[in-house]
């Protein structure tokens, strides 16, 4: 059985780290990942823990590059699904800008995202 929403973006955030994974739901494996835990990303951020949105943007850019290398930036034609409300629910209010920073960074770098959201009230207006 194939899953309609095959590729899904999953975000994990703490006070110190941002991790983004693209999961293939057909076989349950992670096809691409990027995280501020990685030494290359960590050393490129000059502002340490104070640049949360900037760090999330960098994670999105690195993930987009890795998806392009794998040839999955369009999710094999179907797109990569993001359940925005679910991602915002499991994060606290402070991480809302980090969630949107990753999503916008992926979009700006040519990744075809399909936002699964019922309303657009949670998106910051800036």
PDB file of N, CA and C in Angstrom:
ATOM      1  N   UNK A   1       0.840  -1.181   0.000  1.00  0.00           N
ATOM      2  CA  UNK A   1       0.000   0.000   0.000  1.00  0.00           C
ATOM      3  C   UNK A   1       0.886   1.245   0.000  1.00  0.00           C
ATOM      4  N   UNK A   2       0.627   2.152  -0.918  1.00  0.00           N
ATOM      5  CA  UNK A   2       1.390   3.396  -0.950  1.00  0.00           C
ATOM      6  C   UNK A   2       0.615   4.492  -0.249  1.00  0.00           C
ATOM      7  N   UNK A   3       1.337   5.364   0.387  1.00  0.00           N
ATOM      8  CA  UNK A   3       0.749   6.463   1.136  1.00  0.00           C
ATOM      9  C   UNK A   3       0.662   7.676   0.225  1.00  0.00           C
ATOM     10  N   UNK A   4      -0.489   8.370   0.240  1.00  0.00           N
ATOM     11  CA  UNK A   4      -0.659   9.550  -0.599  1.00  0.00           C
ATOM     12  C   UNK A   4       0.303  10.665  -0.208  1.00  0.00           C
ATOM     13  N   UNK A   5       0.469  10.880   1.063  1.00  0.00           N
ATOM     14  CA  UNK A   5       1.411  11.887   1.558  1.00  0.00           C
ATOM     15  C   UNK A   5       2.724  11.172   1.849  1.00  0.00           C
ATOM     16  N   UNK A   6       3.465  10.868   0.786  1.00  0.00           N
ATOM     17  CA  UNK A   6       4.639  10.024   0.951  1.00  0.00           C
ATOM     18  C   UNK A   6       5.750  10.712   1.721  1.00  0.00           C
ATOM     19  N   UNK A   7       6.138  11.895   1.304  1.00  0.00           N
ATOM     20  CA  UNK A   7       7.239  12.614   1.958  1.00  0.00           C
ATOM     21  C   UNK A   7       6.664  13.681   2.880  1.00  0.00           C
ATOM     22  N   UNK A   8       7.116  13.661   4.132  1.00  0.00           N
ATOM     23  CA  UNK A   8       6.569  14.557   5.153  1.00  0.00           C
ATOM     24  C   UNK A   8       7.722  15.227   5.891  1.00  0.00           C
ATOM     25  N   UNK A   9       7.571  16.524   6.154  1.00  0.00           N
ATOM     26  CA  UNK A   9       8.552  17.279   6.938  1.00  0.00           C
ATOM     27  C   UNK A   9       8.218  17.130   8.413  1.00  0.00           C
ATOM     28  N   UNK A  10       9.220  16.767   9.202  1.00  0.00           N
ATOM     29  CA  UNK A  10       9.081  16.673  10.656  1.00  0.00           C
ATOM     30  C   UNK A  10      10.131  17.578  11.287  1.00  0.00           C
ATOM     31  N   UNK A  11       9.704  18.387  12.252  1.00  0.00           N
ATOM     32  CA  UNK A  11      10.594  19.325  12.923  1.00  0.00           C
ATOM     33  C   UNK A  11      10.723  18.961  14.389  1.00  0.00           C
ATOM     34  N   UNK A  12      11.938  19.109  14.898  1.00  0.00           N
ATOM     35  CA  UNK A  12      12.217  18.881  16.312  1.00  0.00           C
ATOM     36  C   UNK A  12      13.001  20.090  16.804  1.00  0.00           C
ATOM     37  N   UNK A  13      12.496  20.728  17.848  1.00  0.00           N
ATOM     38  CA  UNK A  13      13.131  21.947  18.347  1.00  0.00           C
ATOM     39  C   UNK A  13      13.260  21.920  19.850  1.00  0.00           C
ATOM     40  N   UNK A  14      14.385  22.454  20.301  1.00  0.00           N
ATOM     41  CA  UNK A  14      14.600  22.662  21.724  1.00  0.00           C
ATOM     42  C   UNK A  14      15.106  24.088  21.886  1.00  0.00           C
ATOM     43  N   UNK A  15      15.480  24.445  23.086  1.00  0.00           N
ATOM     44  CA  UNK A  15      16.015  25.793  23.294  1.00  0.00           C
ATOM     45  C   UNK A  15      17.338  25.989  22.570  1.00  0.00           C
ATOM     46  N   UNK A  16      18.109  24.915  22.390  1.00  0.00           N
ATOM     47  CA  UNK A  16      19.433  25.019  21.782  1.00  0.00           C
ATOM     48  C   UNK A  16      19.491  24.565  20.331  1.00  0.00           C
ATOM     49  N   UNK A  17      18.638  23.622  19.930  1.00  0.00           N
ATOM     50  CA  UNK A  17      18.819  22.976  18.640  1.00  0.00           C
ATOM     51  C   UNK A  17      17.552  22.993  17.787  1.00  0.00           C
ATOM     52  N   UNK A  18      17.756  22.954  16.470  1.00  0.00           N
ATOM     53  CA  UNK A  18      16.683  22.819  15.489  1.00  0.00           C
ATOM     54  C   UNK A  18      17.064  21.668  14.570  1.00  0.00           C
ATOM     55  N   UNK A  19      16.157  20.709  14.394  1.00  0.00           N
ATOM     56  CA  UNK A  19      16.383  19.583  13.501  1.00  0.00           C
ATOM     57  C   UNK A  19      15.181  19.442  12.583  1.00  0.00           C
ATOM     58  N   UNK A  20      15.454  19.262  11.293  1.00  0.00           N
ATOM     59  CA  UNK A  20      14.394  19.055  10.304  1.00  0.00           C
ATOM     60  C   UNK A  20      14.681  17.768   9.549  1.00  0.00           C
ATOM     61  N   UNK A  21      13.669  16.913   9.439  1.00  0.00           N
ATOM     62  CA  UNK A  21      13.789  15.639   8.737  1.00  0.00           C
ATOM     63  C   UNK A  21      12.723  15.541   7.656  1.00  0.00           C
ATOM     64  N   UNK A  22      13.071  14.921   6.536  1.00  0.00           N
ATOM     65  CA  UNK A  22      12.087  14.537   5.533  1.00  0.00           C
ATOM     66  C   UNK A  22      11.948  13.029   5.644  1.00  0.00           C
ATOM     67  N   UNK A  23      10.738  12.563   5.939  1.00  0.00           N
ATOM     68  CA  UNK A  23      10.479  11.147   6.185  1.00  0.00           C
ATOM     69  C   UNK A  23       9.707  10.568   5.002  1.00  0.00           C
ATOM     70  N   UNK A  24      10.162   9.421   4.505  1.00  0.00           N
ATOM     71  CA  UNK A  24       9.456   8.655   3.488  1.00  0.00           C
ATOM     72  C   UNK A  24       8.502   7.731   4.237  1.00  0.00           C
ATOM     73  N   UNK A  25       7.221   8.003   4.155  1.00  0.00           N
ATOM     74  CA  UNK A  25       6.246   7.247   4.935  1.00  0.00           C
ATOM     75  C   UNK A  25       5.972   5.863   4.363  1.00  0.00           C
ATOM     76  N   UNK A  26       6.384   5.620   3.125  1.00  0.00           N
ATOM     77  CA  UNK A  26       6.181   4.275   2.568  1.00  0.00           C
ATOM     78  C   UNK A  26       7.043   3.237   3.263  1.00  0.00           C
ATOM     79  N   UNK A  27       8.293   3.594   3.573  1.00  0.00           N
ATOM     80  CA  UNK A  27       9.161   2.618   4.239  1.00  0.00           C
ATOM     81  C   UNK A  27       9.676   3.106   5.588  1.00  0.00           C
ATOM     82  N   UNK A  28       9.206   4.257   6.039  1.00  0.00           N
ATOM     83  CA  UNK A  28       9.524   4.733   7.381  1.00  0.00           C
ATOM     84  C   UNK A  28      10.953   5.177   7.597  1.00  0.00           C
ATOM     85  N   UNK A  29      11.638   5.592   6.551  1.00  0.00           N
ATOM     86  CA  UNK A  29      13.026   6.020   6.744  1.00  0.00           C
ATOM     87  C   UNK A  29      13.174   7.517   6.478  1.00  0.00           C
ATOM     88  N   UNK A  30      14.199   8.080   7.064  1.00  0.00           N
ATOM     89  CA  UNK A  30      14.513   9.494   6.867  1.00  0.00           C
ATOM     90  C   UNK A  30      15.361   9.593   5.611  1.00  0.00           C
ATOM     91  N   UNK A  31      14.904  10.398   4.629  1.00  0.00           N
ATOM     92  CA  UNK A  31      15.638  10.521   3.367  1.00  0.00           C
ATOM     93  C   UNK A  31      16.592  11.714   3.367  1.00  0.00           C
ATOM     94  N   UNK A  32      16.303  12.725   4.187  1.00  0.00           N
ATOM     95  CA  UNK A  32      17.202  13.882   4.295  1.00  0.00           C
ATOM     96  C   UNK A  32      17.006  14.509   5.667  1.00  0.00           C
ATOM     97  N   UNK A  33      18.090  15.041   6.209  1.00  0.00           N
ATOM     98  CA  UNK A  33      18.026  15.670   7.519  1.00  0.00           C
ATOM     99  C   UNK A  33      19.035  16.804   7.600  1.00  0.00           C
ATOM    100  N   UNK A  34      18.731  17.770   8.446  1.00  0.00           N
ATOM    101  CA  UNK A  34      19.661  18.856   8.743  1.00  0.00           C
ATOM    102  C   UNK A  34      19.396  19.298  10.176  1.00  0.00           C
ATOM    103  N   UNK A  35      20.470  19.665  10.877  1.00  0.00           N
ATOM    104  CA  UNK A  35      20.319  20.012  12.280  1.00  0.00           C
ATOM    105  C   UNK A  35      21.425  20.968  12.714  1.00  0.00           C
ATOM    106  N   UNK A  36      21.112  21.785  13.685  1.00  0.00           N
ATOM    107  CA  UNK A  36      22.128  22.669  14.259  1.00  0.00           C
ATOM    108  C   UNK A  36      23.091  21.898  15.146  1.00  0.00           C
ATOM    109  N   UNK A  37      22.840  20.628  15.372  1.00  0.00           N
ATOM    110  CA  UNK A  37      23.767  19.782  16.124  1.00  0.00           C
ATOM    111  C   UNK A  37      25.008  19.487  15.281  1.00  0.00           C
ATOM    112  N   UNK A  38      24.840  19.475  13.947  1.00  0.00           N
ATOM    113  CA  UNK A  38      25.952  19.185  13.050  1.00  0.00           C
ATOM    114  C   UNK A  38      27.035  20.248  13.197  1.00  0.00           C
ATOM    115  N   UNK A  39      28.264  19.800  13.219  1.00  0.00           N
ATOM    116  CA  UNK A  39      29.397  20.702  13.443  1.00  0.00           C
ATOM    117  C   UNK A  39      29.493  21.786  12.364  1.00  0.00           C
ATOM    118  N   UNK A  40      29.253  21.425  11.096  1.00  0.00           N
ATOM    119  CA  UNK A  40      29.371  22.405  10.008  1.00  0.00           C
ATOM    120  C   UNK A  40      28.350  23.536  10.152  1.00  0.00           C
ATOM    121  N   UNK A  41      27.136  23.206  10.546  1.00  0.00           N
ATOM    122  CA  UNK A  41      26.110  24.235  10.730  1.00  0.00           C
ATOM    123  C   UNK A  41      26.383  25.030  11.993  1.00  0.00           C
ATOM    124  N   UNK A  42      26.760  24.332  13.055  1.00  0.00           N
ATOM    125  CA  UNK A  42      27.012  24.984  14.338  1.00  0.00           C
ATOM    126  C   UNK A  42      28.120  26.027  14.226  1.00  0.00           C
ATOM    127  N   UNK A  43      29.197  25.696  13.507  1.00  0.00           N
ATOM    128  CA  UNK A  43      30.315  26.638  13.399  1.00  0.00           C
ATOM    129  C   UNK A  43      30.011  27.794  12.453  1.00  0.00           C
ATOM    130  N   UNK A  44      29.047  27.610  11.523  1.00  0.00           N
ATOM    131  CA  UNK A  44      28.710  28.705  10.614  1.00  0.00           C
ATOM    132  C   UNK A  44      27.853  29.770  11.288  1.00  0.00           C
ATOM    133  N   UNK A  45      27.228  29.437  12.403  1.00  0.00           N
ATOM    134  CA  UNK A  45      26.405  30.404  13.132  1.00  0.00           C
ATOM    135  C   UNK A  45      27.284  31.147  14.126  1.00  0.00           C
ATOM    136  N   UNK A  46      27.430  32.443  13.912  1.00  0.00           N
ATOM    137  CA  UNK A  46      28.307  33.231  14.768  1.00  0.00           C
ATOM    138  C   UNK A  46      27.619  33.771  16.009  1.00  0.00           C
ATOM    139  N   UNK A  47      26.306  33.644  16.070  1.00  0.00           N
ATOM    140  CA  UNK A  47      25.584  34.276  17.168  1.00  0.00           C
ATOM    141  C   UNK A  47      25.204  33.312  18.286  1.00  0.00           C
ATOM    142  N   UNK A  48      25.623  32.062  18.207  1.00  0.00           N
ATOM    143  CA  UNK A  48      25.372  31.109  19.290  1.00  0.00           C
ATOM    144  C   UNK A  48      23.904  30.817  19.480  1.00  0.00           C
ATOM    145  N   UNK A  49      23.451  30.839  20.722  1.00  0.00           N
ATOM    146  CA  UNK A  49      22.070  30.492  21.043  1.00  0.00           C
ATOM    147  C   UNK A  49      21.091  31.627  20.795  1.00  0.00           C
ATOM    148  N   UNK A  50      21.563  32.830  20.517  1.00  0.00           N
ATOM    149  CA  UNK A  50      20.661  33.973  20.409  1.00  0.00           C
ATOM    150  C   UNK A  50      20.044  34.131  19.028  1.00  0.00           C
ATOM    151  N   UNK A  51      20.434  33.324  18.060  1.00  0.00           N
ATOM    152  CA  UNK A  51      19.923  33.501  16.695  1.00  0.00           C
ATOM    153  C   UNK A  51      19.019  32.353  16.293  1.00  0.00           C
ATOM    154  N   UNK A  52      17.950  32.145  17.020  1.00  0.00           N
ATOM    155  CA  UNK A  52      17.090  31.001  16.783  1.00  0.00           C
ATOM    156  C   UNK A  52      16.466  30.995  15.392  1.00  0.00           C
ATOM    157  N   UNK A  53      15.884  32.109  14.951  1.00  0.00           N
ATOM    158  CA  UNK A  53      15.259  32.153  13.623  1.00  0.00           C
ATOM    159  C   UNK A  53      16.320  32.042  12.530  1.00  0.00           C
ATOM    160  N   UNK A  54      17.470  32.647  12.747  1.00  0.00           N
ATOM    161  CA  UNK A  54      18.550  32.547  11.772  1.00  0.00           C
ATOM    162  C   UNK A  54      19.039  31.102  11.665  1.00  0.00           C
ATOM    163  N   UNK A  55      19.164  30.435  12.779  1.00  0.00           N
ATOM    164  CA  UNK A  55      19.589  29.034  12.783  1.00  0.00           C
ATOM    165  C   UNK A  55      18.558  28.161  12.068  1.00  0.00           C
ATOM    166  N   UNK A  56      17.281  28.423  12.286  1.00  0.00           N
ATOM    167  CA  UNK A  56      16.222  27.660  11.621  1.00  0.00           C
ATOM    168  C   UNK A  56      16.262  27.886  10.114  1.00  0.00           C
ATOM    169  N   UNK A  57      16.557  29.107   9.698  1.00  0.00           N
ATOM    170  CA  UNK A  57      16.672  29.413   8.271  1.00  0.00           C
ATOM    171  C   UNK A  57      17.833  28.655   7.650  1.00  0.00           C
ATOM    172  N   UNK A  58      18.961  28.610   8.341  1.00  0.00           N
ATOM    173  CA  UNK A  58      20.128  27.879   7.840  1.00  0.00           C
ATOM    174  C   UNK A  58      19.818  26.385   7.736  1.00  0.00           C
ATOM    175  N   UNK A  59      19.115  25.843   8.706  1.00  0.00           N
ATOM    176  CA  UNK A  59      18.725  24.424   8.665  1.00  0.00           C
ATOM    177  C   UNK A  59      17.845  24.166   7.441  1.00  0.00           C
ATOM    178  N   UNK A  60      16.907  25.073   7.163  1.00  0.00           N
ATOM    179  CA  UNK A  60      16.055  24.932   5.983  1.00  0.00           C
ATOM    180  C   UNK A  60      16.848  24.980   4.687  1.00  0.00           C
ATOM    181  N   UNK A  61      17.838  25.872   4.622  1.00  0.00           N
ATOM    182  CA  UNK A  61      18.674  25.980   3.419  1.00  0.00           C
ATOM    183  C   UNK A  61      19.499  24.712   3.192  1.00  0.00           C
ATOM    184  N   UNK A  62      20.091  24.197   4.257  1.00  0.00           N
ATOM    185  CA  UNK A  62      20.906  22.979   4.146  1.00  0.00           C
ATOM    186  C   UNK A  62      20.023  21.790   3.758  1.00  0.00           C
ATOM    187  N   UNK A  63      18.852  21.693   4.346  1.00  0.00           N
ATOM    188  CA  UNK A  63      17.934  20.606   4.006  1.00  0.00           C
ATOM    189  C   UNK A  63      17.510  20.701   2.544  1.00  0.00           C
ATOM    190  N   UNK A  64      17.254  21.913   2.061  1.00  0.00           N
ATOM    191  CA  UNK A  64      16.878  22.096   0.655  1.00  0.00           C
ATOM    192  C   UNK A  64      18.004  21.640  -0.274  1.00  0.00           C
ATOM    193  N   UNK A  65      19.250  21.984   0.068  1.00  0.00           N
ATOM    194  CA  UNK A  65      20.382  21.551  -0.754  1.00  0.00           C
ATOM    195  C   UNK A  65      20.499  20.031  -0.769  1.00  0.00           C
ATOM    196  N   UNK A  66      20.301  19.398   0.378  1.00  0.00           N
ATOM    197  CA  UNK A  66      20.401  17.940   0.455  1.00  0.00           C
ATOM    198  C   UNK A  66      19.271  17.263  -0.315  1.00  0.00           C
ATOM    199  N   UNK A  67      18.089  17.866  -0.311  1.00  0.00           N
ATOM    200  CA  UNK A  67      16.984  17.313  -1.094  1.00  0.00           C
ATOM    201  C   UNK A  67      17.275  17.415  -2.585  1.00  0.00           C
ATOM    202  N   UNK A  68      17.887  18.515  -3.008  1.00  0.00           N
ATOM    203  CA  UNK A  68      18.230  18.682  -4.426  1.00  0.00           C
ATOM    204  C   UNK A  68      19.279  17.666  -4.853  1.00  0.00           C
ATOM    205  N   UNK A  69      20.235  17.380  -3.992  1.00  0.00           N
ATOM    206  CA  UNK A  69      21.247  16.373  -4.299  1.00  0.00           C
ATOM    207  C   UNK A  69      20.596  15.001  -4.469  1.00  0.00           C
ATOM    208  N   UNK A  70      19.617  14.699  -3.621  1.00  0.00           N
ATOM    209  CA  UNK A  70      18.905  13.416  -3.702  1.00  0.00           C
ATOM    210  C   UNK A  70      17.884  13.397  -4.840  1.00  0.00           C
ATOM    211  N   UNK A  71      17.585  14.568  -5.409  1.00  0.00           N
ATOM    212  CA  UNK A  71      16.577  14.653  -6.468  1.00  0.00           C
ATOM    213  C   UNK A  71      15.157  14.607  -5.946  1.00  0.00           C
ATOM    214  N   UNK A  72      14.961  14.996  -4.692  1.00  0.00           N
ATOM    215  CA  UNK A  72      13.642  14.914  -4.062  1.00  0.00           C
ATOM    216  C   UNK A  72      13.038  16.276  -3.726  1.00  0.00           C
ATOM    217  N   UNK A  73      13.556  17.369  -4.329  1.00  0.00           N
ATOM    218  CA  UNK A  73      13.024  18.685  -3.969  1.00  0.00           C
ATOM    219  C   UNK A  73      11.557  18.852  -4.351  1.00  0.00           C
ATOM    220  N   UNK A  74      11.062  18.023  -5.283  1.00  0.00           N
ATOM    221  CA  UNK A  74       9.645  18.091  -5.634  1.00  0.00           C
ATOM    222  C   UNK A  74       8.863  16.911  -5.048  1.00  0.00           C
ATOM    223  N   UNK A  75       9.508  16.104  -4.224  1.00  0.00           N
ATOM    224  CA  UNK A  75       8.829  14.957  -3.610  1.00  0.00           C
ATOM    225  C   UNK A  75       8.351  13.961  -4.645  1.00  0.00           C
ATOM    226  N   UNK A  76       9.148  13.737  -5.665  1.00  0.00           N
ATOM    227  CA  UNK A  76       8.819  12.861  -6.802  1.00  0.00           C
ATOM    228  C   UNK A  76       7.533  13.302  -7.480  1.00  0.00           C
ATOM    229  N   UNK A  77       7.376  14.622  -7.618  1.00  0.00           N
ATOM    230  CA  UNK A  77       6.230  15.180  -8.326  1.00  0.00           C
ATOM    231  C   UNK A  77       5.023  15.452  -7.467  1.00  0.00           C
ATOM    232  N   UNK A  78       4.950  14.847  -6.310  1.00  0.00           N
ATOM    233  CA  UNK A  78       3.782  15.020  -5.444  1.00  0.00           C
ATOM    234  C   UNK A  78       3.977  16.105  -4.398  1.00  0.00           C
ATOM    235  N   UNK A  79       5.192  16.518  -4.173  1.00  0.00           N
ATOM    236  CA  UNK A  79       5.469  17.530  -3.168  1.00  0.00           C
ATOM    237  C   UNK A  79       5.760  16.919  -1.808  1.00  0.00           C
ATOM    238  N   UNK A  80       6.280  17.746  -0.943  1.00  0.00           N
ATOM    239  CA  UNK A  80       6.584  17.339   0.429  1.00  0.00           C
ATOM    240  C   UNK A  80       5.538  17.980   1.330  1.00  0.00           C
ATOM    241  N   UNK A  81       4.871  17.156   2.099  1.00  0.00           N
ATOM    242  CA  UNK A  81       3.765  17.631   2.919  1.00  0.00           C
ATOM    243  C   UNK A  81       4.256  18.151   4.267  1.00  0.00           C
ATOM    244  N   UNK A  82       3.615  19.232   4.702  1.00  0.00           N
ATOM    245  CA  UNK A  82       3.892  19.812   6.007  1.00  0.00           C
ATOM    246  C   UNK A  82       2.552  20.046   6.686  1.00  0.00           C
ATOM    247  N   UNK A  83       2.322  19.384   7.797  1.00  0.00           N
ATOM    248  CA  UNK A  83       1.116  19.641   8.588  1.00  0.00           C
ATOM    249  C   UNK A  83       1.447  20.795   9.530  1.00  0.00           C
ATOM    250  N   UNK A  84       1.169  22.003   9.063  1.00  0.00           N
ATOM    251  CA  UNK A  84       1.588  23.213   9.778  1.00  0.00           C
ATOM    252  C   UNK A  84       0.964  23.276  11.164  1.00  0.00           C
ATOM    253  N   UNK A  85      -0.324  22.996  11.257  1.00  0.00           N
ATOM    254  CA  UNK A  85      -0.989  23.083  12.562  1.00  0.00           C
ATOM    255  C   UNK A  85      -0.402  22.088  13.555  1.00  0.00           C
ATOM    256  N   UNK A  86      -0.080  20.882  13.092  1.00  0.00           N
ATOM    257  CA  UNK A  86       0.522  19.879  13.979  1.00  0.00           C
ATOM    258  C   UNK A  86       1.892  20.330  14.451  1.00  0.00           C
ATOM    259  N   UNK A  87       2.700  20.865  13.524  1.00  0.00           N
ATOM    260  CA  UNK A  87       4.040  21.325  13.901  1.00  0.00           C
ATOM    261  C   UNK A  87       3.958  22.499  14.876  1.00  0.00           C
ATOM    262  N   UNK A  88       2.993  23.394  14.677  1.00  0.00           N
ATOM    263  CA  UNK A  88       2.856  24.534  15.589  1.00  0.00           C
ATOM    264  C   UNK A  88       2.287  24.116  16.936  1.00  0.00           C
ATOM    265  N   UNK A  89       1.409  23.110  16.943  1.00  0.00           N
ATOM    266  CA  UNK A  89       0.828  22.636  18.198  1.00  0.00           C
ATOM    267  C   UNK A  89       1.862  22.021  19.113  1.00  0.00           C
ATOM    268  N   UNK A  90       2.769  21.227  18.540  1.00  0.00           N
ATOM    269  CA  UNK A  90       3.729  20.535  19.399  1.00  0.00           C
ATOM    270  C   UNK A  90       4.875  21.432  19.831  1.00  0.00           C
ATOM    271  N   UNK A  91       4.961  22.616  19.273  1.00  0.00           N
ATOM    272  CA  UNK A  91       5.962  23.594  19.714  1.00  0.00           C
ATOM    273  C   UNK A  91       5.274  24.615  20.615  1.00  0.00           C
ATOM    274  N   UNK A  92       6.045  25.238  21.462  1.00  0.00           N
ATOM    275  CA  UNK A  92       5.434  26.282  22.270  1.00  0.00           C
ATOM    276  C   UNK A  92       5.399  27.572  21.459  1.00  0.00           C
ATOM    277  N   UNK A  93       4.830  28.613  22.039  1.00  0.00           N
ATOM    278  CA  UNK A  93       4.629  29.879  21.329  1.00  0.00           C
ATOM    279  C   UNK A  93       5.938  30.487  20.847  1.00  0.00           C
ATOM    280  N   UNK A  94       7.014  30.299  21.589  1.00  0.00           N
ATOM    281  CA  UNK A  94       8.300  30.902  21.239  1.00  0.00           C
ATOM    282  C   UNK A  94       8.903  30.288  19.975  1.00  0.00           C
ATOM    283  N   UNK A  95       8.583  29.045  19.681  1.00  0.00           N
ATOM    284  CA  UNK A  95       9.172  28.360  18.530  1.00  0.00           C
ATOM    285  C   UNK A  95       8.398  28.575  17.238  1.00  0.00           C
ATOM    286  N   UNK A  96       7.300  29.310  17.286  1.00  0.00           N
ATOM    287  CA  UNK A  96       6.472  29.541  16.102  1.00  0.00           C
ATOM    288  C   UNK A  96       7.260  30.204  14.975  1.00  0.00           C
ATOM    289  N   UNK A  97       8.090  31.171  15.292  1.00  0.00           N
ATOM    290  CA  UNK A  97       8.877  31.837  14.251  1.00  0.00           C
ATOM    291  C   UNK A  97       9.929  30.894  13.672  1.00  0.00           C
ATOM    292  N   UNK A  98      10.443  29.980  14.492  1.00  0.00           N
ATOM    293  CA  UNK A  98      11.419  29.017  13.983  1.00  0.00           C
ATOM    294  C   UNK A  98      10.763  28.044  13.010  1.00  0.00           C
ATOM    295  N   UNK A  99       9.546  27.618  13.294  1.00  0.00           N
ATOM    296  CA  UNK A  99       8.830  26.712  12.395  1.00  0.00           C
ATOM    297  C   UNK A  99       8.638  27.382  11.040  1.00  0.00           C
ATOM    298  N   UNK A 100       8.158  28.620  11.050  1.00  0.00           N
ATOM    299  CA  UNK A 100       7.930  29.326   9.788  1.00  0.00           C
ATOM    300  C   UNK A 100       9.238  29.677   9.097  1.00  0.00           C
ATOM    301  N   UNK A 101      10.302  29.876   9.842  1.00  0.00           N
ATOM    302  CA  UNK A 101      11.609  30.151   9.222  1.00  0.00           C
ATOM    303  C   UNK A 101      12.082  28.950   8.418  1.00  0.00           C
ATOM    304  N   UNK A 102      11.930  27.742   8.961  1.00  0.00           N
ATOM    305  CA  UNK A 102      12.325  26.537   8.232  1.00  0.00           C
ATOM    306  C   UNK A 102      11.454  26.368   6.987  1.00  0.00           C
ATOM    307  N   UNK A 103      10.145  26.519   7.139  1.00  0.00           N
ATOM    308  CA  UNK A 103       9.217  26.333   6.014  1.00  0.00           C
ATOM    309  C   UNK A 103       9.504  27.344   4.906  1.00  0.00           C
ATOM    310  N   UNK A 104       9.654  28.620   5.267  1.00  0.00           N
ATOM    311  CA  UNK A 104       9.909  29.655   4.261  1.00  0.00           C
ATOM    312  C   UNK A 104      11.262  29.469   3.592  1.00  0.00           C
ATOM    313  N   UNK A 105      12.244  29.023   4.341  1.00  0.00           N
ATOM    314  CA  UNK A 105      13.565  28.781   3.774  1.00  0.00           C
ATOM    315  C   UNK A 105      13.514  27.659   2.745  1.00  0.00           C
ATOM    316  N   UNK A 106      12.777  26.600   3.049  1.00  0.00           N
ATOM    317  CA  UNK A 106      12.628  25.504   2.094  1.00  0.00           C
ATOM    318  C   UNK A 106      11.932  25.986   0.820  1.00  0.00           C
ATOM    319  N   UNK A 107      10.855  26.755   0.987  1.00  0.00           N
ATOM    320  CA  UNK A 107      10.133  27.290  -0.169  1.00  0.00           C
ATOM    321  C   UNK A 107      11.025  28.183  -1.017  1.00  0.00           C
ATOM    322  N   UNK A 108      11.761  29.077  -0.371  1.00  0.00           N
ATOM    323  CA  UNK A 108      12.610  30.030  -1.088  1.00  0.00           C
ATOM    324  C   UNK A 108      13.754  29.349  -1.825  1.00  0.00           C
ATOM    325  N   UNK A 109      14.116  28.146  -1.424  1.00  0.00           N
ATOM    326  CA  UNK A 109      15.199  27.418  -2.071  1.00  0.00           C
ATOM    327  C   UNK A 109      14.695  26.371  -3.057  1.00  0.00           C
ATOM    328  N   UNK A 110      13.443  26.494  -3.492  1.00  0.00           N
ATOM    329  CA  UNK A 110      12.934  25.677  -4.579  1.00  0.00           C
ATOM    330  C   UNK A 110      12.338  24.338  -4.215  1.00  0.00           C
ATOM    331  N   UNK A 111      12.075  24.084  -2.936  1.00  0.00           N
ATOM    332  CA  UNK A 111      11.457  22.826  -2.535  1.00  0.00           C
ATOM    333  C   UNK A 111       9.941  22.966  -2.663  1.00  0.00           C
ATOM    334  N   UNK A 112       9.302  21.998  -3.299  1.00  0.00           N
ATOM    335  CA  UNK A 112       7.857  22.024  -3.482  1.00  0.00           C
ATOM    336  C   UNK A 112       7.187  21.522  -2.206  1.00  0.00           C
ATOM    337  N   UNK A 113       6.628  22.451  -1.442  1.00  0.00           N
ATOM    338  CA  UNK A 113       5.955  22.105  -0.191  1.00  0.00           C
ATOM    339  C   UNK A 113       4.448  22.193  -0.372  1.00  0.00           C
ATOM    340  N   UNK A 114       3.748  21.271   0.249  1.00  0.00           N
ATOM    341  CA  UNK A 114       2.293  21.309   0.284  1.00  0.00           C
ATOM    342  C   UNK A 114       1.913  21.515   1.738  1.00  0.00           C
ATOM    343  N   UNK A 115       1.371  22.691   2.040  1.00  0.00           N
ATOM    344  CA  UNK A 115       1.020  23.021   3.413  1.00  0.00           C
ATOM    345  C   UNK A 115      -0.368  22.480   3.716  1.00  0.00           C
ATOM    346  N   UNK A 116      -0.445  21.574   4.661  1.00  0.00           N
ATOM    347  CA  UNK A 116      -1.718  21.014   5.093  1.00  0.00           C
ATOM    348  C   UNK A 116      -2.167  21.782   6.321  1.00  0.00           C
ATOM    349  N   UNK A 117      -2.980  22.792   6.082  1.00  0.00           N
ATOM    350  CA  UNK A 117      -3.462  23.604   7.206  1.00  0.00           C
ATOM    351  C   UNK A 117      -4.912  23.964   6.964  1.00  0.00           C
ATOM    352  N   UNK A 118      -5.668  24.075   8.046  1.00  0.00           N
ATOM    353  CA  UNK A 118      -7.084  24.396   7.923  1.00  0.00           C
ATOM    354  C   UNK A 118      -7.316  25.893   7.882  1.00  0.00           C
ATOM    355  N   UNK A 119      -6.489  26.648   8.618  1.00  0.00           N
ATOM    356  CA  UNK A 119      -6.609  28.100   8.580  1.00  0.00           C
ATOM    357  C   UNK A 119      -5.220  28.704   8.579  1.00  0.00           C
ATOM    358  N   UNK A 120      -5.142  29.954   8.228  1.00  0.00           N
ATOM    359  CA  UNK A 120      -3.851  30.617   8.089  1.00  0.00           C
ATOM    360  C   UNK A 120      -3.627  31.626   9.213  1.00  0.00           C
ATOM    361  N   UNK A 121      -4.336  31.461  10.335  1.00  0.00           N
ATOM    362  CA  UNK A 121      -4.235  32.427  11.415  1.00  0.00           C
ATOM    363  C   UNK A 121      -2.967  32.262  12.230  1.00  0.00           C
ATOM    364  N   UNK A 122      -2.327  31.108  12.134  1.00  0.00           N
ATOM    365  CA  UNK A 122      -1.139  30.866  12.944  1.00  0.00           C
ATOM    366  C   UNK A 122       0.122  31.429  12.301  1.00  0.00           C
ATOM    367  N   UNK A 123       0.061  31.836  11.043  1.00  0.00           N
ATOM    368  CA  UNK A 123       1.235  32.348  10.351  1.00  0.00           C
ATOM    369  C   UNK A 123       1.529  33.761  10.836  1.00  0.00           C
ATOM    370  N   UNK A 124       2.765  34.044  11.185  1.00  0.00           N
ATOM    371  CA  UNK A 124       3.070  35.386  11.668  1.00  0.00           C
ATOM    372  C   UNK A 124       2.924  36.409  10.539  1.00  0.00           C
ATOM    373  N   UNK A 125       2.476  37.591  10.905  1.00  0.00           N
ATOM    374  CA  UNK A 125       2.280  38.640   9.902  1.00  0.00           C
ATOM    375  C   UNK A 125       3.397  39.660   9.991  1.00  0.00           C
ATOM    376  N   UNK A 126       4.491  39.351   9.313  1.00  0.00           N
ATOM    377  CA  UNK A 126       5.602  40.277   9.265  1.00  0.00           C
ATOM    378  C   UNK A 126       6.247  40.259   7.941  1.00  0.00           C
TER     379      UNK A 126
END
